[in-house]
Amino acid sequence: MKLTWKQAAIAFGLFLLGYFTFNGKLFAQPVEKQKVSIAVGGKNLLYYLPLTIADQLGYFKDEGLQVEISDFAGGAKALQALVGGSADVVSGAFEHTINMQSKGQVITAFVLQGRAPQIVLGISNKTMPNYKTVADLKGKKIGVTAPGSSTNMVANFILAKGGLKPTDVSIIGVGTASGALSAMRSGQIDAICNLDPVITMLEQKNEIKVVTDTRTLKDTNDLFGGPMPAATLYASEAFLKKNPQTAQALTNAMVRALHWLQKAGPSEIIKVVPESYLLGDRALYIAAFMKVREALSPDGTIPEAGPRVALKALQAFEPDLAGKNIDLGKTYTNELVKKANLKFK
């Protein structure tokens, strides 16, 4: 049967979205890899809420995927899982794509979860009640999710802006939940660079003084001088080339979750998020969500200026990066997101 130009155009459009027609019926193109392992550093964090929504609402299953999510103490540990071959994909911070390329390994972010880092530096009111400037942190202990993670990188950037080097402080991994709260309350650390809901809990109990906050777009732009891409899904260049339909299916599920989050109310989110993520306080979780809501990406697109801003931030405390030829075009792609947004318009 000969197709009209209009039918051919529709068929081509469906093909781009990952579908094909046969005998008048619509079929999704099969994924190359049904079982996909995703590593994440602190899946309870609001930073990774889109991943949780996609998983809990069955969006990955709807795309023909069986996703296994492995949780680690921080993003650096999740990255190690990818490098070591025990994970296919990481739900992690964008800047890891730059750092890994500087070490000769190309990994590519293909869907954005957060358009602001949501990372907060808080000073202990218990051990540093007289804190005035970043210089006061010299010789002190700063708790991060895990050494080498995004929280560590943001802490280093803040220190650099205040005239300190990473070696001027002690960095301690405290995780993303009860361990972080315990470390702060027991006086094991003098400051904390962490995310919600942990930060909001410490704020509400007046246990920390917030000195740097990247939960809003304005504060993020003020600190970094432009848009700073945060949580993404990223994978090796080889994985994306070998499994294009699988990567598209992952992106479809994540973009669908981002669209759902744009419309969902706090009460709806509470029903979806696992009880263990709430740290025993639903009202606090809702308050934390409202603080980071605008930081969530509306559609998964990585802003064009974002990679340049991230590279500049890393160069502020990693001098070795200044001499490296980083191809920012290889650190991200928006092609999969474009197709996913056509599907869920």
Protein backbone atom coordinates (compact mmCIF):
# COMPACT_ATOMS: atom_id res chain seq x y z
CA MET A 1 0.00 0.00 0.00
CA LYS A 2 1.39 3.37 -1.01
CA LEU A 3 1.42 6.01 1.76
CA THR A 4 0.33 9.58 1.18
CA TRP A 5 2.86 12.25 2.12
CA LYS A 6 0.79 13.06 5.22
CA GLN A 7 0.74 9.42 6.36
CA ALA A 8 4.47 9.14 5.71
CA ALA A 9 5.13 12.27 7.78
CA ILE A 10 3.06 10.89 10.68
CA ALA A 11 4.86 7.53 10.48
CA PHE A 12 8.24 9.27 10.53
CA GLY A 13 7.18 11.38 13.53
CA LEU A 14 6.10 8.26 15.41
CA PHE A 15 9.41 6.60 14.55
CA LEU A 16 11.30 9.52 16.08
CA LEU A 17 9.24 9.07 19.25
CA GLY A 18 10.16 5.40 19.43
CA TYR A 19 7.11 3.87 17.74
CA PHE A 20 6.37 2.08 14.49
CA THR A 21 3.20 0.91 12.77
CA PHE A 22 2.44 -2.54 11.38
CA ASN A 23 -0.84 -3.51 9.72
CA GLY A 24 -2.37 -0.31 11.01
CA LYS A 25 -1.40 -0.98 14.65
CA LEU A 26 0.96 1.09 16.80
CA PHE A 27 3.92 -0.60 18.52
CA ALA A 28 6.75 0.72 20.67
CA GLN A 29 10.21 -0.09 19.38
CA PRO A 30 11.66 -2.76 21.70
CA VAL A 31 14.34 -1.71 24.15
CA GLU A 32 17.73 -3.33 23.73
CA LYS A 33 18.13 -3.91 27.48
CA GLN A 34 15.04 -4.60 29.59
CA LYS A 35 16.83 -4.87 32.93
CA VAL A 36 18.59 -1.63 33.80
CA SER A 37 20.52 -0.92 36.99
CA ILE A 38 20.56 2.67 38.23
CA ALA A 39 22.95 3.78 40.98
CA VAL A 40 22.00 6.78 43.12
CA GLY A 41 23.65 8.52 46.04
CA GLY A 42 20.82 9.10 48.53
CA LYS A 43 17.56 8.20 46.84
CA ASN A 44 15.56 9.58 49.79
CA LEU A 45 16.69 13.11 48.90
CA LEU A 46 14.35 15.60 47.24
CA TYR A 47 17.27 16.14 44.85
CA TYR A 48 16.30 12.79 43.30
CA LEU A 49 12.53 13.09 43.70
CA PRO A 50 11.84 12.72 39.93
CA LEU A 51 13.60 9.33 39.98
CA THR A 52 11.45 8.24 42.94
CA ILE A 53 8.26 9.37 41.22
CA ALA A 54 9.13 7.58 37.96
CA ASP A 55 9.84 4.40 39.91
CA GLN A 56 6.92 4.51 42.35
CA LEU A 57 4.29 5.37 39.73
CA GLY A 58 5.46 2.58 37.41
CA TYR A 59 6.64 4.83 34.60
CA PHE A 60 9.73 2.71 33.94
CA LYS A 61 7.55 -0.41 33.68
CA ASP A 62 5.24 1.40 31.27
CA GLU A 63 8.27 1.87 29.02
CA GLY A 64 9.07 -1.85 29.07
CA LEU A 65 11.90 -1.57 31.59
CA GLN A 66 12.75 -3.49 34.74
CA VAL A 67 14.74 -0.93 36.72
CA GLU A 68 16.74 -1.82 39.80
CA ILE A 69 17.81 1.18 41.87
CA SER A 70 20.85 0.74 44.12
CA ASP A 71 21.34 3.34 46.84
CA PHE A 72 24.75 4.60 47.95
CA ALA A 73 25.97 7.03 50.62
CA GLY A 74 26.71 9.74 48.04
CA GLY A 75 27.11 10.53 44.37
CA ALA A 76 30.80 9.63 44.28
CA LYS A 77 29.96 6.08 45.37
CA ALA A 78 27.22 5.83 42.73
CA LEU A 79 29.72 6.98 40.10
CA GLN A 80 32.14 4.26 41.23
CA ALA A 81 29.40 1.68 40.58
CA LEU A 82 29.11 2.90 36.99
CA VAL A 83 32.86 2.90 36.44
CA GLY A 84 33.15 -0.53 38.03
CA GLY A 85 30.43 -1.97 35.81
CA SER A 86 27.85 -2.80 38.48
CA ALA A 87 25.49 -0.03 37.29
CA ASP A 88 24.31 0.91 33.79
CA VAL A 89 23.18 4.43 34.62
CA VAL A 90 23.66 6.90 37.46
CA SER A 91 21.16 9.31 38.91
CA GLY A 92 23.73 11.89 39.93
CA ALA A 93 25.16 15.38 39.67
CA PHE A 94 25.99 16.81 36.26
CA GLU A 95 29.51 17.91 37.20
CA HIS A 96 30.66 14.28 37.36
CA THR A 97 30.48 14.25 33.55
CA ILE A 98 33.13 16.99 33.45
CA ASN A 99 35.40 15.42 36.04
CA MET A 100 35.29 12.03 34.35
CA GLN A 101 36.09 13.49 30.92
CA SER A 102 39.15 15.16 32.45
CA LYS A 103 40.25 11.64 33.44
CA GLY A 104 39.75 10.31 29.92
CA GLN A 105 36.31 8.74 30.30
CA VAL A 106 33.28 10.16 28.47
CA ILE A 107 29.98 9.97 30.33
CA THR A 108 26.94 11.87 29.13
CA ALA A 109 23.99 13.37 30.97
CA PHE A 110 20.78 12.79 29.02
CA VAL A 111 17.94 14.09 31.21
CA LEU A 112 17.96 16.83 33.84
CA GLN A 113 16.14 16.35 37.15
CA GLY A 114 17.16 19.56 38.90
CA ARG A 115 17.96 23.01 37.54
CA ALA A 116 19.45 24.15 40.88
CA PRO A 117 21.73 22.10 43.17
CA GLN A 118 19.44 22.36 46.25
CA ILE A 119 22.60 22.06 48.36
CA VAL A 120 22.85 24.13 51.52
CA LEU A 121 25.83 25.00 53.69
CA GLY A 122 24.76 25.26 57.31
CA ILE A 123 26.92 26.16 60.32
CA SER A 124 26.42 24.40 63.66
CA ASN A 125 24.89 26.71 66.25
CA LYS A 126 26.32 24.33 68.86
CA THR A 127 30.03 24.32 67.93
CA MET A 128 30.27 27.63 66.02
CA PRO A 129 27.79 30.07 67.59
CA ASN A 130 30.02 33.04 66.71
CA TYR A 131 30.48 32.23 63.00
CA LYS A 132 30.84 35.32 60.81
CA THR A 133 32.57 34.45 57.50
CA VAL A 134 33.76 31.45 55.47
CA ALA A 135 37.28 32.14 56.81
CA ASP A 136 36.04 30.95 60.22
CA LEU A 137 35.77 27.42 58.80
CA LYS A 138 39.54 27.02 58.58
CA GLY A 139 40.54 23.92 60.51
CA LYS A 140 36.92 22.88 61.03
CA LYS A 141 35.02 19.71 60.08
CA ILE A 142 32.44 19.88 57.29
CA GLY A 143 29.99 17.02 56.82
CA VAL A 144 29.06 16.10 53.23
CA THR A 145 27.04 13.21 51.85
CA ALA A 146 30.25 11.47 50.73
CA PRO A 147 33.74 12.75 49.84
CA GLY A 148 33.89 13.58 46.12
CA SER A 149 30.13 13.98 45.82
CA SER A 150 28.26 17.06 44.64
CA THR A 151 27.89 18.29 48.23
CA ASN A 152 31.68 18.13 48.56
CA MET A 153 32.12 20.03 45.28
CA VAL A 154 29.73 22.80 46.34
CA ALA A 155 31.48 23.04 49.72
CA ASN A 156 34.83 23.39 47.91
CA PHE A 157 33.41 26.11 45.66
CA ILE A 158 32.07 28.07 48.66
CA LEU A 159 35.42 27.71 50.42
CA ALA A 160 37.26 28.96 47.30
CA LYS A 161 35.03 32.04 47.08
CA GLY A 162 35.87 32.70 50.72
CA GLY A 163 39.61 32.40 50.14
CA LEU A 164 40.10 28.87 51.53
CA LYS A 165 41.46 25.73 49.90
CA PRO A 166 39.81 22.29 50.22
CA THR A 167 42.77 21.23 52.37
CA ASP A 168 42.02 24.00 54.91
CA VAL A 169 39.13 21.94 56.30
CA SER A 170 38.38 18.32 57.12
CA ILE A 171 35.70 16.74 54.91
CA ILE A 172 33.66 13.97 56.54
CA GLY A 173 31.07 11.75 54.85
CA VAL A 174 27.84 11.67 56.87
CA GLY A 175 25.29 10.33 54.38
CA THR A 176 21.89 11.78 53.55
CA ALA A 177 19.56 10.86 56.40
CA SER A 178 19.79 9.96 60.10
CA GLY A 179 23.60 9.74 59.98
CA ALA A 180 23.84 13.36 58.87
CA LEU A 181 21.47 14.50 61.62
CA SER A 182 23.38 12.52 64.24
CA ALA A 183 26.77 13.89 63.15
CA MET A 184 25.53 17.47 63.47
CA ARG A 185 23.69 16.98 66.77
CA SER A 186 26.56 15.14 68.44
CA GLY A 187 29.09 17.81 67.51
CA GLN A 188 31.13 15.52 65.23
CA ILE A 189 31.00 18.22 62.54
CA ASP A 190 31.04 22.02 62.68
CA ALA A 191 29.19 22.60 59.41
CA ILE A 192 27.12 20.57 57.00
CA CYS A 193 26.76 20.70 53.23
CA ASN A 194 23.69 18.61 52.51
CA LEU A 195 20.20 18.59 51.03
CA ASP A 196 16.53 18.34 51.94
CA PRO A 197 14.79 16.98 53.89
CA VAL A 198 17.83 16.88 56.25
CA ILE A 199 18.53 20.63 55.99
CA THR A 200 14.94 21.71 56.68
CA MET A 201 14.81 19.47 59.76
CA LEU A 202 17.99 21.07 61.15
CA GLU A 203 16.67 24.54 60.28
CA GLN A 204 13.32 24.02 61.98
CA LYS A 205 15.03 22.94 65.20
CA ASN A 206 17.42 25.91 65.01
CA GLU A 207 20.44 23.62 64.96
CA ILE A 208 22.15 25.33 62.02
CA LYS A 209 22.64 28.78 60.56
CA VAL A 210 22.22 28.69 56.77
CA VAL A 211 25.00 30.66 55.08
CA THR A 212 24.72 29.45 51.47
CA ASP A 213 21.51 28.19 49.86
CA THR A 214 21.03 26.87 46.32
CA ARG A 215 17.42 25.75 46.61
CA THR A 216 16.15 28.64 44.49
CA LEU A 217 17.08 29.74 40.97
CA LYS A 218 17.99 33.25 42.15
CA ASP A 219 20.37 32.06 44.87
CA THR A 220 21.92 29.57 42.46
CA ASN A 221 22.50 32.24 39.80
CA ASP A 222 23.93 34.61 42.45
CA LEU A 223 26.41 31.99 43.67
CA PHE A 224 27.52 30.49 40.37
CA GLY A 225 26.87 33.35 37.96
CA GLY A 226 24.41 31.40 35.81
CA PRO A 227 22.31 28.22 35.60
CA MET A 228 23.90 25.26 37.39
CA PRO A 229 22.56 21.87 36.23
CA ALA A 230 22.17 19.54 39.19
CA ALA A 231 20.76 16.00 39.30
CA THR A 232 20.71 14.16 35.97
CA LEU A 233 20.61 10.68 34.59
CA TYR A 234 23.99 9.98 33.03
CA ALA A 235 25.63 6.98 31.40
CA SER A 236 28.74 6.10 29.49
CA GLU A 237 28.96 7.17 25.86
CA ALA A 238 29.23 3.48 24.97
CA PHE A 239 25.99 2.57 26.79
CA LEU A 240 24.02 5.31 25.02
CA LYS A 241 25.31 4.29 21.59
CA LYS A 242 24.63 0.60 22.18
CA ASN A 243 21.19 1.09 23.78
CA PRO A 244 19.45 4.07 22.15
CA GLN A 245 15.90 2.76 22.69
CA THR A 246 16.65 1.87 26.30
CA ALA A 247 18.02 5.36 26.93
CA GLN A 248 14.94 6.84 25.26
CA ALA A 249 12.66 4.71 27.44
CA LEU A 250 14.48 5.88 30.59
CA THR A 251 14.16 9.48 29.43
CA ASN A 252 10.46 9.06 28.64
CA ALA A 253 9.80 7.81 32.18
CA MET A 254 11.76 10.64 33.78
CA VAL A 255 10.18 13.39 31.66
CA ARG A 256 6.75 11.97 32.44
CA ALA A 257 7.64 12.16 36.17
CA LEU A 258 8.82 15.77 35.79
CA HIS A 259 5.55 16.71 34.09
CA TRP A 260 3.60 14.98 36.89
CA LEU A 261 5.55 16.92 39.53
CA GLN A 262 4.69 20.24 37.87
CA LYS A 263 1.00 19.58 38.54
CA ALA A 264 1.02 17.50 41.71
CA GLY A 265 0.22 18.96 45.11
CA PRO A 266 2.17 18.15 48.30
CA SER A 267 -0.52 15.74 49.51
CA GLU A 268 -0.26 13.75 46.27
CA ILE A 269 3.52 13.55 46.58
CA ILE A 270 3.28 12.33 50.18
CA LYS A 271 1.11 9.44 48.99
CA VAL A 272 3.71 8.36 46.43
CA VAL A 273 6.98 8.80 48.35
CA PRO A 274 8.01 5.86 50.57
CA GLU A 275 7.30 6.43 54.27
CA SER A 276 10.98 5.95 55.14
CA TYR A 277 11.91 9.06 53.13
CA LEU A 278 9.86 11.33 55.38
CA LEU A 279 12.20 11.08 58.41
CA GLY A 280 9.17 10.54 60.62
CA ASP A 281 7.68 13.98 59.90
CA ARG A 282 5.26 14.42 56.99
CA ALA A 283 4.73 18.13 57.62
CA LEU A 284 8.48 18.70 57.54
CA TYR A 285 8.82 16.79 54.25
CA ILE A 286 6.11 18.96 52.69
CA ALA A 287 7.82 22.12 53.96
CA ALA A 288 11.11 20.91 52.48
CA PHE A 289 9.45 20.11 49.15
CA MET A 290 7.95 23.59 48.90
CA LYS A 291 11.45 25.08 49.36
CA VAL A 292 12.94 23.11 46.46
CA ARG A 293 9.96 22.93 44.12
CA GLU A 294 11.19 25.55 41.66
CA ALA A 295 14.57 23.79 41.52
CA LEU A 296 12.98 20.78 39.80
CA SER A 297 13.36 20.78 36.03
CA PRO A 298 10.00 21.28 34.29
CA ASP A 299 10.92 19.20 31.24
CA GLY A 300 14.36 17.55 31.63
CA THR A 301 16.22 19.96 29.33
CA ILE A 302 19.81 20.87 30.23
CA PRO A 303 20.25 24.64 29.68
CA GLU A 304 22.84 25.53 27.05
CA ALA A 305 24.82 27.76 29.42
CA GLY A 306 24.71 25.22 32.25
CA PRO A 307 27.77 23.09 31.33
CA ARG A 308 29.95 26.21 30.97
CA VAL A 309 28.84 27.45 34.41
CA ALA A 310 29.56 24.02 35.93
CA LEU A 311 33.03 23.88 34.37
CA LYS A 312 33.89 27.36 35.64
CA ALA A 313 32.75 26.41 39.15
CA LEU A 314 34.92 23.29 39.17
CA GLN A 315 37.93 25.22 37.88
CA ALA A 316 37.65 27.54 40.90
CA PHE A 317 38.99 24.81 43.20
CA GLU A 318 40.44 22.26 40.76
CA PRO A 319 43.32 24.08 39.02
CA ASP A 320 44.18 20.95 37.02
CA LEU A 321 40.92 21.35 35.09
CA ALA A 322 42.05 24.73 33.75
CA GLY A 323 44.63 23.02 31.57
CA LYS A 324 42.36 20.26 30.31
CA ASN A 325 40.55 20.42 26.99
CA ILE A 326 36.97 19.60 28.02
CA ASP A 327 34.49 19.05 25.18
CA LEU A 328 31.30 20.23 26.88
CA GLY A 329 29.26 18.98 23.92
CA LYS A 330 30.07 15.43 25.03
CA THR A 331 28.95 16.00 28.62
CA TYR A 332 25.26 16.20 27.75
CA THR A 333 22.58 15.68 25.14
CA ASN A 334 19.03 17.04 24.93
CA GLU A 335 18.03 14.89 21.95
CA LEU A 336 16.26 12.21 24.00
CA VAL A 337 14.47 14.82 26.10
CA LYS A 338 13.16 16.57 22.98
CA LYS A 339 11.52 13.33 21.80
CA ALA A 340 10.13 12.57 25.26
CA ASN A 341 8.53 16.00 25.56
CA LEU A 342 6.76 15.50 22.22
CA LYS A 343 5.28 12.32 23.65
CA PHE A 344 4.04 13.83 26.92
CA LYS A 345 2.95 17.28 25.75
